Amino acid sequence: MIKKYSYKKLSLLAFSAALTFTSCSTNKYAATNKIYKEQAKEFGETLATVPPPKQMIDSMPVNEQTFIGSVNFGIRKPNFVILHHTAQDSTAQTIKTFLIKKTETSAHYIVGRDGKVVQMVNDYLRANHAGAAKWGNDTDLNSSSLGIELDNNGNEPYSDVQISSLITLLSTLKTKYNIPSANFIGHSDIAPKRKQDPNNFPWKKLAEQGYGLWYDAVLQIPPPEFSPAVALRVIGYDVSNLNAAIIAFKRHFIQTNINPALSASEMMILFNLYKKY
């Protein structure tokens, strides 16, 4: 038989349960949260120190240098969103990876298979997620981007609830930081010689929502002088290894026949996207 409780008692029980859950969740990561706060405090002290420490001009006499604080400045604004798959078996495993110093890797967000989102680095701080990478003329994507890890081993489909949560997150980030649609890209796009993630990802679905670009339904045959290398470079790919760039492009936009050869139809897709960029 189910006991009858007053609304007031039920509310109190719910509040107590939520408080207990929050306390348990917080206590589980109390040690690493403390380290996070200490590091953030150190960064804050560095920013607040006037003149800025270790920013003197080398080989110039001190009496020839002056610091005068401007009133017009702000904090880091991310301009790209880089998507990854974790290549691990659970959100918990990825969290653990990001809490171990020696891995030297992190991301701003993790989106679980169940759709739950975990933020691990403040948006305004630099997370170590992109590594050695290049997109256009940007060679430090860690400093200009937000990294989002999708809980996925790289060989499984992405759940509907996971993609739905991702789109909700992307909507917030795009609006908050005014990130251009073209600047939602994957790890394999910015590091074609060494990365494949996020593998088998539904880029078209995201592009239809305004996160990333996609090619049109009606395509044109490119002119004879059309250069795939130039087109890929204009889009943003590092073409120092052209074959790797083509494979990365096909991994994102074609998703079949992932090889360095471009068919006639694939050339049409590349030409269409080149014009968009």
Foldseek 3Di string as FASTA:
>chain_A
DDDDDDPVVVVVVVVVVVVVVVVVVCVVCVVLVVVVVVVVVVVVVQVPDPPRPPPDDPPDDPVVDDDDDDPDDDFQFAQAEAEFEPLDAWPVVLVVCQSDVVNQFDFQWEQTLQRDIDGDDPPRDFGHHQPQWWFQHDRCNSRRYGYYYYHDSQPDDRDPSSVVSVLVVVVVSCVVRVHAQQRYYYSCQTVLVDDLPPFPDPLVVSVVVSRHHAFDPDFDQDDPVDDLLVLLSLSTHDCPPVFSSQLSVCRNHVNPPSGSDADRVNVRRSVRVSVVD
